[in-house]
Structure formats: C-alpha cells, structure tokens
Amino acid sequence: MKFSLLHTEGFAVAGLECRAVKWDSDGAVGKMWSDFLTHLEKIELKQDAVTMYGICEQETCKNGDFTYMAAIGIDSGTDVPPGMTKKFIQPQNFFQASVPDRISTGSGY
C-alpha cells in the first residue's frame, strides 16, 4: 500500500449513512458498501475522475459507535436521489491509502 498525507480545499460527496460499531463487529459497514454500490447509477456524475470515500464520524467515544458514510465525490450542484445524503467536507488535511490491485504476502501465506 502507498500512504500519503494530503490537503483538500473541500469537496462535496453523496452516499448512504449508517450507525456502526467499533471494528464493524456487526457488519454494518460491509452491508452499507454493498447497498451503496447498487445505488451508484442513481447519482448523476459530472466528474471525469471518480473517487469513493469511507467517511467515519464519531460523536462520542463512550459507547464505541459512530456514523459511517459510503460516498462518492460529486460536483457541489449535483442533486442526490431520495434516501441518499449529500455533505460538504470542509478544507482539511487527511490520510490516504492507495491499495494496489494485488498484494504479495511474501513467503506463501
């Protein structure tokens, strides 16, 4: 994997949200992505390059759950279908991990 620290001036996303628990022990995040991917064709994309995001928002550390959003980058003026959420991500620094098509584990594992 390739890791980098990036800065963004802010961007809009559209997607589906759910409540999830630490380490996705109830499978909510995986289910959310499966559901989200079936809804992609409903979003009118105007961007040439498409980026998907997994966005975690934790309101409190007391109970270990958080809001999770499976999302795709959109133009800020794009309308989103009913049942989907549109958010603007404020300018900030963030961590990016680029995953290669294949990962070698080395010694036969």
N, C-alpha and C. Protein backbone atom coordinates (compact mmCIF):
# COMPACT_ATOMS: atom_id res chain seq x y z
N MET A 1 0.85 -1.18 0.00
CA MET A 1 0.00 0.00 0.00
C MET A 1 0.89 1.24 0.00
N LYS A 2 0.39 2.29 -0.60
CA LYS A 2 1.09 3.56 -0.61
C LYS A 2 0.33 4.53 0.29
N PHE A 3 1.04 5.18 1.21
CA PHE A 3 0.42 6.08 2.18
C PHE A 3 0.88 7.50 1.93
N SER A 4 -0.02 8.46 2.11
CA SER A 4 0.36 9.86 1.95
C SER A 4 -0.56 10.76 2.77
N LEU A 5 -0.04 11.93 3.10
CA LEU A 5 -0.81 12.96 3.79
C LEU A 5 -1.15 14.03 2.76
N LEU A 6 -2.42 14.34 2.61
CA LEU A 6 -2.88 15.29 1.60
C LEU A 6 -3.66 16.43 2.24
N HIS A 7 -3.81 17.50 1.49
CA HIS A 7 -4.66 18.63 1.91
C HIS A 7 -5.72 18.84 0.85
N THR A 8 -6.93 19.10 1.29
CA THR A 8 -8.01 19.40 0.35
C THR A 8 -8.62 20.76 0.69
N GLU A 9 -9.08 21.43 -0.33
CA GLU A 9 -9.76 22.70 -0.15
C GLU A 9 -11.24 22.49 0.17
N GLY A 10 -11.67 21.26 0.21
CA GLY A 10 -13.07 20.95 0.47
C GLY A 10 -13.71 20.37 -0.77
N PHE A 11 -14.71 19.51 -0.57
CA PHE A 11 -15.38 18.86 -1.69
C PHE A 11 -16.73 18.32 -1.25
N ALA A 12 -17.58 18.04 -2.23
CA ALA A 12 -18.91 17.51 -1.96
C ALA A 12 -18.92 16.00 -2.20
N VAL A 13 -19.72 15.29 -1.40
CA VAL A 13 -19.91 13.85 -1.57
C VAL A 13 -21.39 13.52 -1.46
N ALA A 14 -21.76 12.39 -2.03
CA ALA A 14 -23.13 11.86 -1.89
C ALA A 14 -23.00 10.38 -1.55
N GLY A 15 -23.90 9.91 -0.69
CA GLY A 15 -23.82 8.50 -0.34
C GLY A 15 -24.89 8.07 0.64
N LEU A 16 -24.63 6.93 1.26
CA LEU A 16 -25.53 6.36 2.25
C LEU A 16 -24.83 6.34 3.59
N GLU A 17 -25.61 6.52 4.68
CA GLU A 17 -25.06 6.53 6.02
C GLU A 17 -25.68 5.43 6.88
N CYS A 18 -24.92 5.00 7.87
CA CYS A 18 -25.44 4.06 8.86
C CYS A 18 -24.73 4.30 10.19
N ARG A 19 -25.27 3.73 11.25
CA ARG A 19 -24.58 3.69 12.53
C ARG A 19 -23.79 2.40 12.55
N ALA A 20 -22.55 2.46 12.97
CA ALA A 20 -21.69 1.28 13.01
C ALA A 20 -21.03 1.20 14.38
N VAL A 21 -20.51 0.03 14.69
CA VAL A 21 -19.81 -0.16 15.95
C VAL A 21 -18.34 -0.43 15.68
N LYS A 22 -17.54 -0.24 16.71
CA LYS A 22 -16.09 -0.39 16.60
C LYS A 22 -15.71 -1.71 15.95
N TRP A 23 -14.75 -1.63 15.03
CA TRP A 23 -14.24 -2.77 14.26
C TRP A 23 -15.29 -3.41 13.38
N ASP A 24 -16.42 -2.72 13.15
CA ASP A 24 -17.50 -3.23 12.29
C ASP A 24 -17.94 -4.63 12.73
N SER A 25 -18.01 -4.82 14.04
CA SER A 25 -18.32 -6.15 14.57
C SER A 25 -19.72 -6.63 14.23
N ASP A 26 -20.60 -5.71 13.84
CA ASP A 26 -21.95 -6.13 13.43
C ASP A 26 -22.10 -6.20 11.91
N GLY A 27 -21.04 -5.88 11.16
CA GLY A 27 -21.06 -5.97 9.70
C GLY A 27 -21.77 -4.83 9.00
N ALA A 28 -22.14 -3.78 9.72
CA ALA A 28 -22.90 -2.67 9.13
C ALA A 28 -22.15 -1.96 8.01
N VAL A 29 -20.84 -1.79 8.15
CA VAL A 29 -20.07 -1.08 7.13
C VAL A 29 -20.02 -1.89 5.84
N GLY A 30 -19.76 -3.17 5.93
CA GLY A 30 -19.75 -4.02 4.74
C GLY A 30 -21.10 -4.04 4.05
N LYS A 31 -22.17 -4.13 4.82
CA LYS A 31 -23.52 -4.10 4.25
C LYS A 31 -23.79 -2.76 3.58
N MET A 32 -23.31 -1.68 4.22
CA MET A 32 -23.51 -0.33 3.66
C MET A 32 -22.86 -0.21 2.30
N TRP A 33 -21.61 -0.70 2.15
CA TRP A 33 -20.93 -0.63 0.86
C TRP A 33 -21.66 -1.46 -0.19
N SER A 34 -22.12 -2.64 0.16
CA SER A 34 -22.87 -3.47 -0.81
C SER A 34 -24.11 -2.73 -1.28
N ASP A 35 -24.83 -2.12 -0.36
CA ASP A 35 -26.04 -1.38 -0.69
C ASP A 35 -25.70 -0.14 -1.53
N PHE A 36 -24.66 0.58 -1.11
CA PHE A 36 -24.26 1.79 -1.81
C PHE A 36 -23.88 1.51 -3.26
N LEU A 37 -23.10 0.47 -3.49
CA LEU A 37 -22.65 0.16 -4.85
C LEU A 37 -23.81 -0.15 -5.79
N THR A 38 -24.93 -0.66 -5.26
CA THR A 38 -26.11 -0.90 -6.11
C THR A 38 -26.86 0.39 -6.42
N HIS A 39 -26.57 1.47 -5.68
CA HIS A 39 -27.24 2.76 -5.89
C HIS A 39 -26.43 3.75 -6.72
N LEU A 40 -25.21 3.39 -7.09
CA LEU A 40 -24.34 4.34 -7.80
C LEU A 40 -24.94 4.88 -9.09
N GLU A 41 -25.62 4.05 -9.84
CA GLU A 41 -26.16 4.51 -11.13
C GLU A 41 -27.24 5.57 -10.96
N LYS A 42 -27.75 5.76 -9.74
CA LYS A 42 -28.78 6.78 -9.48
C LYS A 42 -28.19 8.17 -9.33
N ILE A 43 -26.87 8.27 -9.14
CA ILE A 43 -26.22 9.56 -8.96
C ILE A 43 -25.72 10.05 -10.30
N GLU A 44 -26.10 11.27 -10.66
CA GLU A 44 -25.66 11.86 -11.93
C GLU A 44 -24.26 12.42 -11.74
N LEU A 45 -23.26 11.68 -12.20
CA LEU A 45 -21.87 12.08 -12.03
C LEU A 45 -21.43 12.96 -13.19
N LYS A 46 -20.80 14.09 -12.84
CA LYS A 46 -20.32 15.01 -13.86
C LYS A 46 -18.80 15.10 -13.85
N GLN A 47 -18.16 14.36 -12.95
CA GLN A 47 -16.71 14.41 -12.83
C GLN A 47 -16.08 13.37 -13.75
N ASP A 48 -14.91 13.71 -14.27
CA ASP A 48 -14.16 12.75 -15.09
C ASP A 48 -13.55 11.66 -14.22
N ALA A 49 -12.89 12.06 -13.14
CA ALA A 49 -12.27 11.11 -12.22
C ALA A 49 -13.23 10.89 -11.05
N VAL A 50 -13.51 9.64 -10.77
CA VAL A 50 -14.44 9.30 -9.70
C VAL A 50 -13.66 8.77 -8.50
N THR A 51 -13.94 9.32 -7.32
CA THR A 51 -13.29 8.87 -6.09
C THR A 51 -14.37 8.47 -5.10
N MET A 52 -14.20 7.31 -4.47
CA MET A 52 -15.12 6.85 -3.43
C MET A 52 -14.48 7.08 -2.07
N TYR A 53 -15.33 7.32 -1.08
CA TYR A 53 -14.85 7.64 0.27
C TYR A 53 -15.58 6.80 1.31
N GLY A 54 -14.86 6.38 2.32
CA GLY A 54 -15.44 5.81 3.53
C GLY A 54 -15.23 6.85 4.62
N ILE A 55 -16.31 7.47 5.07
CA ILE A 55 -16.21 8.59 6.00
C ILE A 55 -16.74 8.17 7.36
N CYS A 56 -15.90 8.31 8.38
CA CYS A 56 -16.27 7.96 9.75
C CYS A 56 -16.41 9.24 10.56
N GLU A 57 -17.51 9.36 11.29
CA GLU A 57 -17.72 10.49 12.18
C GLU A 57 -18.07 9.92 13.55
N GLN A 58 -17.28 10.28 14.55
CA GLN A 58 -17.54 9.77 15.89
C GLN A 58 -17.94 10.93 16.77
N GLU A 59 -19.18 10.89 17.26
CA GLU A 59 -19.67 11.97 18.11
C GLU A 59 -19.18 11.81 19.55
N THR A 60 -18.99 10.58 20.00
CA THR A 60 -18.57 10.32 21.36
C THR A 60 -17.73 9.04 21.41
N CYS A 61 -16.85 8.98 22.33
CA CYS A 61 -16.02 7.77 22.48
C CYS A 61 -16.60 6.84 23.55
N LYS A 62 -17.68 7.24 24.18
CA LYS A 62 -18.20 6.47 25.31
C LYS A 62 -18.76 5.11 24.92
N ASN A 63 -19.53 5.03 23.85
CA ASN A 63 -20.19 3.77 23.53
C ASN A 63 -19.55 3.02 22.36
N GLY A 64 -18.55 3.57 21.71
CA GLY A 64 -17.83 2.86 20.66
C GLY A 64 -18.52 2.82 19.31
N ASP A 65 -19.66 3.51 19.14
CA ASP A 65 -20.28 3.51 17.82
C ASP A 65 -20.04 4.85 17.13
N PHE A 66 -20.31 4.88 15.83
CA PHE A 66 -20.03 6.07 15.04
C PHE A 66 -20.93 6.07 13.80
N THR A 67 -20.99 7.22 13.15
CA THR A 67 -21.70 7.33 11.88
C THR A 67 -20.71 7.03 10.76
N TYR A 68 -21.12 6.18 9.83
CA TYR A 68 -20.27 5.81 8.71
C TYR A 68 -21.01 6.16 7.42
N MET A 69 -20.28 6.70 6.45
CA MET A 69 -20.87 7.05 5.17
C MET A 69 -20.04 6.44 4.04
N ALA A 70 -20.67 5.65 3.20
CA ALA A 70 -20.09 5.17 1.95
C ALA A 70 -20.47 6.22 0.92
N ALA A 71 -19.48 6.86 0.29
CA ALA A 71 -19.77 8.03 -0.53
C ALA A 71 -18.91 8.08 -1.79
N ILE A 72 -19.35 8.94 -2.68
CA ILE A 72 -18.62 9.21 -3.91
C ILE A 72 -18.53 10.72 -4.09
N GLY A 73 -17.39 11.19 -4.61
CA GLY A 73 -17.23 12.62 -4.86
C GLY A 73 -18.16 13.09 -5.96
N ILE A 74 -18.77 14.25 -5.75
CA ILE A 74 -19.70 14.82 -6.73
C ILE A 74 -19.41 16.31 -6.91
N ASP A 75 -19.94 16.90 -7.97
CA ASP A 75 -19.93 18.35 -8.10
C ASP A 75 -20.91 18.91 -7.08
N SER A 76 -20.60 20.07 -6.50
CA SER A 76 -21.43 20.60 -5.41
C SER A 76 -22.88 20.87 -5.82
N GLY A 77 -23.14 21.09 -7.10
CA GLY A 77 -24.51 21.36 -7.56
C GLY A 77 -25.31 20.12 -7.92
N THR A 78 -24.73 18.94 -7.78
CA THR A 78 -25.40 17.69 -8.15
C THR A 78 -26.54 17.38 -7.18
N ASP A 79 -27.71 17.06 -7.73
CA ASP A 79 -28.83 16.61 -6.91
C ASP A 79 -28.61 15.15 -6.56
N VAL A 80 -29.01 14.76 -5.35
CA VAL A 80 -28.87 13.36 -4.95
C VAL A 80 -30.25 12.72 -4.85
N PRO A 81 -30.34 11.44 -5.16
CA PRO A 81 -31.62 10.73 -5.12
C PRO A 81 -32.19 10.66 -3.70
N PRO A 82 -33.50 10.48 -3.57
CA PRO A 82 -34.10 10.32 -2.25
C PRO A 82 -33.46 9.15 -1.50
N GLY A 83 -33.27 9.33 -0.21
CA GLY A 83 -32.66 8.30 0.62
C GLY A 83 -31.15 8.40 0.73
N MET A 84 -30.54 9.24 -0.11
CA MET A 84 -29.10 9.44 -0.04
C MET A 84 -28.81 10.77 0.65
N THR A 85 -27.59 10.89 1.16
CA THR A 85 -27.16 12.08 1.87
C THR A 85 -26.09 12.81 1.06
N LYS A 86 -26.15 14.13 1.09
CA LYS A 86 -25.13 14.96 0.44
C LYS A 86 -24.43 15.75 1.54
N LYS A 87 -23.10 15.77 1.51
CA LYS A 87 -22.33 16.51 2.51
C LYS A 87 -21.22 17.28 1.83
N PHE A 88 -20.82 18.38 2.48
CA PHE A 88 -19.64 19.11 2.05
C PHE A 88 -18.54 18.86 3.07
N ILE A 89 -17.43 18.33 2.63
CA ILE A 89 -16.29 18.08 3.50
C ILE A 89 -15.44 19.34 3.54
N GLN A 90 -15.28 19.89 4.72
CA GLN A 90 -14.55 21.15 4.91
C GLN A 90 -13.07 20.98 4.56
N PRO A 91 -12.39 22.09 4.21
CA PRO A 91 -10.95 22.02 3.94
C PRO A 91 -10.21 21.42 5.13
N GLN A 92 -9.27 20.49 4.85
CA GLN A 92 -8.56 19.82 5.92
C GLN A 92 -7.41 18.98 5.38
N ASN A 93 -6.58 18.50 6.29
CA ASN A 93 -5.56 17.51 5.96
C ASN A 93 -6.17 16.14 6.20
N PHE A 94 -5.77 15.15 5.41
CA PHE A 94 -6.28 13.80 5.62
C PHE A 94 -5.24 12.79 5.15
N PHE A 95 -5.44 11.56 5.60
CA PHE A 95 -4.57 10.44 5.31
C PHE A 95 -5.16 9.65 4.16
N GLN A 96 -4.36 9.28 3.19
CA GLN A 96 -4.82 8.49 2.05
C GLN A 96 -4.00 7.21 1.94
N ALA A 97 -4.69 6.10 1.72
CA ALA A 97 -4.02 4.82 1.47
C ALA A 97 -4.46 4.35 0.09
N SER A 98 -3.50 4.16 -0.80
CA SER A 98 -3.79 3.64 -2.13
C SER A 98 -3.51 2.15 -2.12
N VAL A 99 -4.52 1.37 -2.47
CA VAL A 99 -4.40 -0.08 -2.43
C VAL A 99 -4.10 -0.60 -3.83
N PRO A 100 -3.02 -1.38 -3.97
CA PRO A 100 -2.70 -1.93 -5.30
C PRO A 100 -3.69 -3.02 -5.70
N ASP A 101 -3.69 -3.37 -6.97
CA ASP A 101 -4.57 -4.43 -7.47
C ASP A 101 -4.28 -5.77 -6.79
N ARG A 102 -3.01 -6.01 -6.50
CA ARG A 102 -2.59 -7.26 -5.85
C ARG A 102 -1.64 -6.94 -4.71
N ILE A 103 -1.72 -7.73 -3.66
CA ILE A 103 -0.82 -7.58 -2.54
C ILE A 103 -0.09 -8.91 -2.35
N SER A 104 1.23 -8.86 -2.38
CA SER A 104 2.03 -10.07 -2.17
C SER A 104 2.32 -10.22 -0.68
N THR A 105 2.10 -11.41 -0.16
CA THR A 105 2.37 -11.66 1.25
C THR A 105 3.75 -12.27 1.45
N GLY A 106 4.49 -12.45 0.41
CA GLY A 106 5.85 -12.95 0.55
C GLY A 106 5.95 -14.46 0.60
N SER A 107 6.23 -15.03 1.75
CA SER A 107 6.57 -16.44 1.87
C SER A 107 5.39 -17.39 1.89
N GLY A 108 4.55 -17.34 0.89
CA GLY A 108 3.50 -18.33 0.70
C GLY A 108 2.31 -18.24 1.63
N TYR A 109 2.16 -17.16 2.35
CA TYR A 109 1.00 -17.02 3.25
C TYR A 109 -0.21 -16.54 2.51
